[in-house]
């Protein structure tokens, strides 16, 4: 991500991340996220999705790992892997 004063520019190609959430009961949950932005944005997308699906869960820790560039379709467009979370406002 490139920051210029108060605006943020997206990457030239989206990346995939695995977001891992640790819950207060000791449970773990993970989501794969495709985003044009950085790892922190991917973590936020994963946290928001989990809060929507499991509003009573308390997340105590968030970790993430880069999975690499998002794949492309034969026509050169971005292919979102089945099950990956996205922020629709990015697309």
C-alpha atoms as a PDB file:
ATOM      1  CA  UNK A   1       0.000   0.000   0.000  1.00  0.00           C
ATOM      2  CA  UNK A   2       1.284   3.447  -0.857  1.00  0.00           C
ATOM      3  CA  UNK A   3       0.210   6.334   1.366  1.00  0.00           C
ATOM      4  CA  UNK A   4       0.120   9.923   0.160  1.00  0.00           C
ATOM      5  CA  UNK A   5      -0.998  12.282   2.930  1.00  0.00           C
ATOM      6  CA  UNK A   6      -4.688  11.483   3.483  1.00  0.00           C
ATOM      7  CA  UNK A   7      -5.299   9.134   0.568  1.00  0.00           C
ATOM      8  CA  UNK A   8      -4.370   5.496   0.109  1.00  0.00           C
ATOM      9  CA  UNK A   9      -3.571   3.888  -3.210  1.00  0.00           C
ATOM     10  CA  UNK A  10      -4.250   0.247  -3.863  1.00  0.00           C
ATOM     11  CA  UNK A  11      -1.605  -2.213  -5.020  1.00  0.00           C
ATOM     12  CA  UNK A  12      -1.129  -2.895  -8.713  1.00  0.00           C
ATOM     13  CA  UNK A  13      -2.513  -6.444  -8.234  1.00  0.00           C
ATOM     14  CA  UNK A  14      -4.555  -7.889  -5.338  1.00  0.00           C
ATOM     15  CA  UNK A  15      -3.066 -10.218  -2.746  1.00  0.00           C
ATOM     16  CA  UNK A  16      -4.510 -13.141  -0.818  1.00  0.00           C
ATOM     17  CA  UNK A  17      -4.191 -13.477   2.957  1.00  0.00           C
ATOM     18  CA  UNK A  18      -5.180 -16.028   5.547  1.00  0.00           C
ATOM     19  CA  UNK A  19      -6.661 -14.251   8.575  1.00  0.00           C
ATOM     20  CA  UNK A  20      -6.580 -16.264  11.808  1.00  0.00           C
ATOM     21  CA  UNK A  21      -8.775 -15.271  14.730  1.00  0.00           C
ATOM     22  CA  UNK A  22      -8.243 -16.511  18.288  1.00  0.00           C
ATOM     23  CA  UNK A  23     -11.431 -16.533  20.337  1.00  0.00           C
ATOM     24  CA  UNK A  24     -11.856 -15.999  24.077  1.00  0.00           C
ATOM     25  CA  UNK A  25     -12.918 -19.635  24.534  1.00  0.00           C
ATOM     26  CA  UNK A  26      -9.611 -20.777  23.004  1.00  0.00           C
ATOM     27  CA  UNK A  27     -11.137 -21.588  19.635  1.00  0.00           C
ATOM     28  CA  UNK A  28      -9.546 -20.679  16.336  1.00  0.00           C
ATOM     29  CA  UNK A  29     -11.176 -19.528  13.139  1.00  0.00           C
ATOM     30  CA  UNK A  30      -9.629 -18.602   9.800  1.00  0.00           C
ATOM     31  CA  UNK A  31     -10.753 -16.867   6.634  1.00  0.00           C
ATOM     32  CA  UNK A  32      -9.040 -16.332   3.310  1.00  0.00           C
ATOM     33  CA  UNK A  33      -9.280 -12.769   2.029  1.00  0.00           C
ATOM     34  CA  UNK A  34      -8.467 -11.218  -1.348  1.00  0.00           C
ATOM     35  CA  UNK A  35      -7.800  -7.486  -1.233  1.00  0.00           C
ATOM     36  CA  UNK A  36      -6.141  -4.716  -3.216  1.00  0.00           C
ATOM     37  CA  UNK A  37      -4.951  -3.247   0.092  1.00  0.00           C
ATOM     38  CA  UNK A  38      -2.637  -4.398   2.867  1.00  0.00           C
ATOM     39  CA  UNK A  39      -2.615  -7.122   5.493  1.00  0.00           C
ATOM     40  CA  UNK A  40      -4.306  -4.876   8.064  1.00  0.00           C
ATOM     41  CA  UNK A  41      -7.240  -4.396   5.688  1.00  0.00           C
ATOM     42  CA  UNK A  42      -7.466  -8.152   5.151  1.00  0.00           C
ATOM     43  CA  UNK A  43      -7.548  -8.678   8.928  1.00  0.00           C
ATOM     44  CA  UNK A  44     -10.355  -6.143   9.276  1.00  0.00           C
ATOM     45  CA  UNK A  45     -12.395  -7.876   6.542  1.00  0.00           C
ATOM     46  CA  UNK A  46     -11.977 -11.218   8.354  1.00  0.00           C
ATOM     47  CA  UNK A  47     -12.905  -9.737  11.744  1.00  0.00           C
ATOM     48  CA  UNK A  48     -16.015  -8.039  10.344  1.00  0.00           C
ATOM     49  CA  UNK A  49     -17.176 -11.225   8.634  1.00  0.00           C
ATOM     50  CA  UNK A  50     -16.721 -13.257  11.801  1.00  0.00           C
ATOM     51  CA  UNK A  51     -18.576 -10.644  13.877  1.00  0.00           C
ATOM     52  CA  UNK A  52     -21.465 -10.866  11.403  1.00  0.00           C
ATOM     53  CA  UNK A  53     -21.560 -14.681  11.461  1.00  0.00           C
ATOM     54  CA  UNK A  54     -20.870 -15.146  15.189  1.00  0.00           C
ATOM     55  CA  UNK A  55     -21.829 -11.913  16.980  1.00  0.00           C
ATOM     56  CA  UNK A  56     -21.422 -13.442  20.469  1.00  0.00           C
ATOM     57  CA  UNK A  57     -17.793 -14.540  19.932  1.00  0.00           C
ATOM     58  CA  UNK A  58     -15.053 -12.416  21.478  1.00  0.00           C
ATOM     59  CA  UNK A  59     -11.914 -12.186  19.348  1.00  0.00           C
ATOM     60  CA  UNK A  60      -8.790 -11.918  21.508  1.00  0.00           C
ATOM     61  CA  UNK A  61      -6.098 -12.014  18.813  1.00  0.00           C
ATOM     62  CA  UNK A  62      -5.831 -11.596  15.057  1.00  0.00           C
ATOM     63  CA  UNK A  63      -3.012 -12.940  12.912  1.00  0.00           C
ATOM     64  CA  UNK A  64      -2.527 -13.020   9.185  1.00  0.00           C
ATOM     65  CA  UNK A  65      -0.241 -14.549   6.613  1.00  0.00           C
ATOM     66  CA  UNK A  66       0.276 -13.567   2.998  1.00  0.00           C
ATOM     67  CA  UNK A  67      -0.744 -16.325   0.590  1.00  0.00           C
ATOM     68  CA  UNK A  68       0.581 -14.567  -2.508  1.00  0.00           C
ATOM     69  CA  UNK A  69      -0.877 -12.787  -5.491  1.00  0.00           C
ATOM     70  CA  UNK A  70      -4.479 -13.441  -6.437  1.00  0.00           C
ATOM     71  CA  UNK A  71      -4.690 -15.692  -9.499  1.00  0.00           C
ATOM     72  CA  UNK A  72      -5.766 -14.400 -12.892  1.00  0.00           C
ATOM     73  CA  UNK A  73      -8.271 -15.599 -15.439  1.00  0.00           C
ATOM     74  CA  UNK A  74      -7.135 -16.396 -18.999  1.00  0.00           C
ATOM     75  CA  UNK A  75      -8.322 -12.929 -20.077  1.00  0.00           C
ATOM     76  CA  UNK A  76      -6.036 -11.275 -17.492  1.00  0.00           C
ATOM     77  CA  UNK A  77      -8.713 -10.282 -14.995  1.00  0.00           C
ATOM     78  CA  UNK A  78      -8.467 -11.119 -11.304  1.00  0.00           C
ATOM     79  CA  UNK A  79      -9.937 -14.464 -10.260  1.00  0.00           C
ATOM     80  CA  UNK A  80     -11.377 -14.577  -6.749  1.00  0.00           C
ATOM     81  CA  UNK A  81     -10.896 -18.030  -5.266  1.00  0.00           C
ATOM     82  CA  UNK A  82     -14.069 -19.772  -4.102  1.00  0.00           C
ATOM     83  CA  UNK A  83     -14.673 -18.974  -0.453  1.00  0.00           C
ATOM     84  CA  UNK A  84     -12.378 -15.939  -0.304  1.00  0.00           C
ATOM     85  CA  UNK A  85     -13.781 -12.893   1.420  1.00  0.00           C
ATOM     86  CA  UNK A  86     -13.615  -9.530  -0.325  1.00  0.00           C
ATOM     87  CA  UNK A  87     -14.653  -5.977   0.399  1.00  0.00           C
ATOM     88  CA  UNK A  88     -17.203  -5.247  -2.325  1.00  0.00           C
ATOM     89  CA  UNK A  89     -16.304  -1.561  -2.165  1.00  0.00           C
ATOM     90  CA  UNK A  90     -12.846  -2.441  -3.595  1.00  0.00           C
ATOM     91  CA  UNK A  91     -14.238  -4.166  -6.661  1.00  0.00           C
END
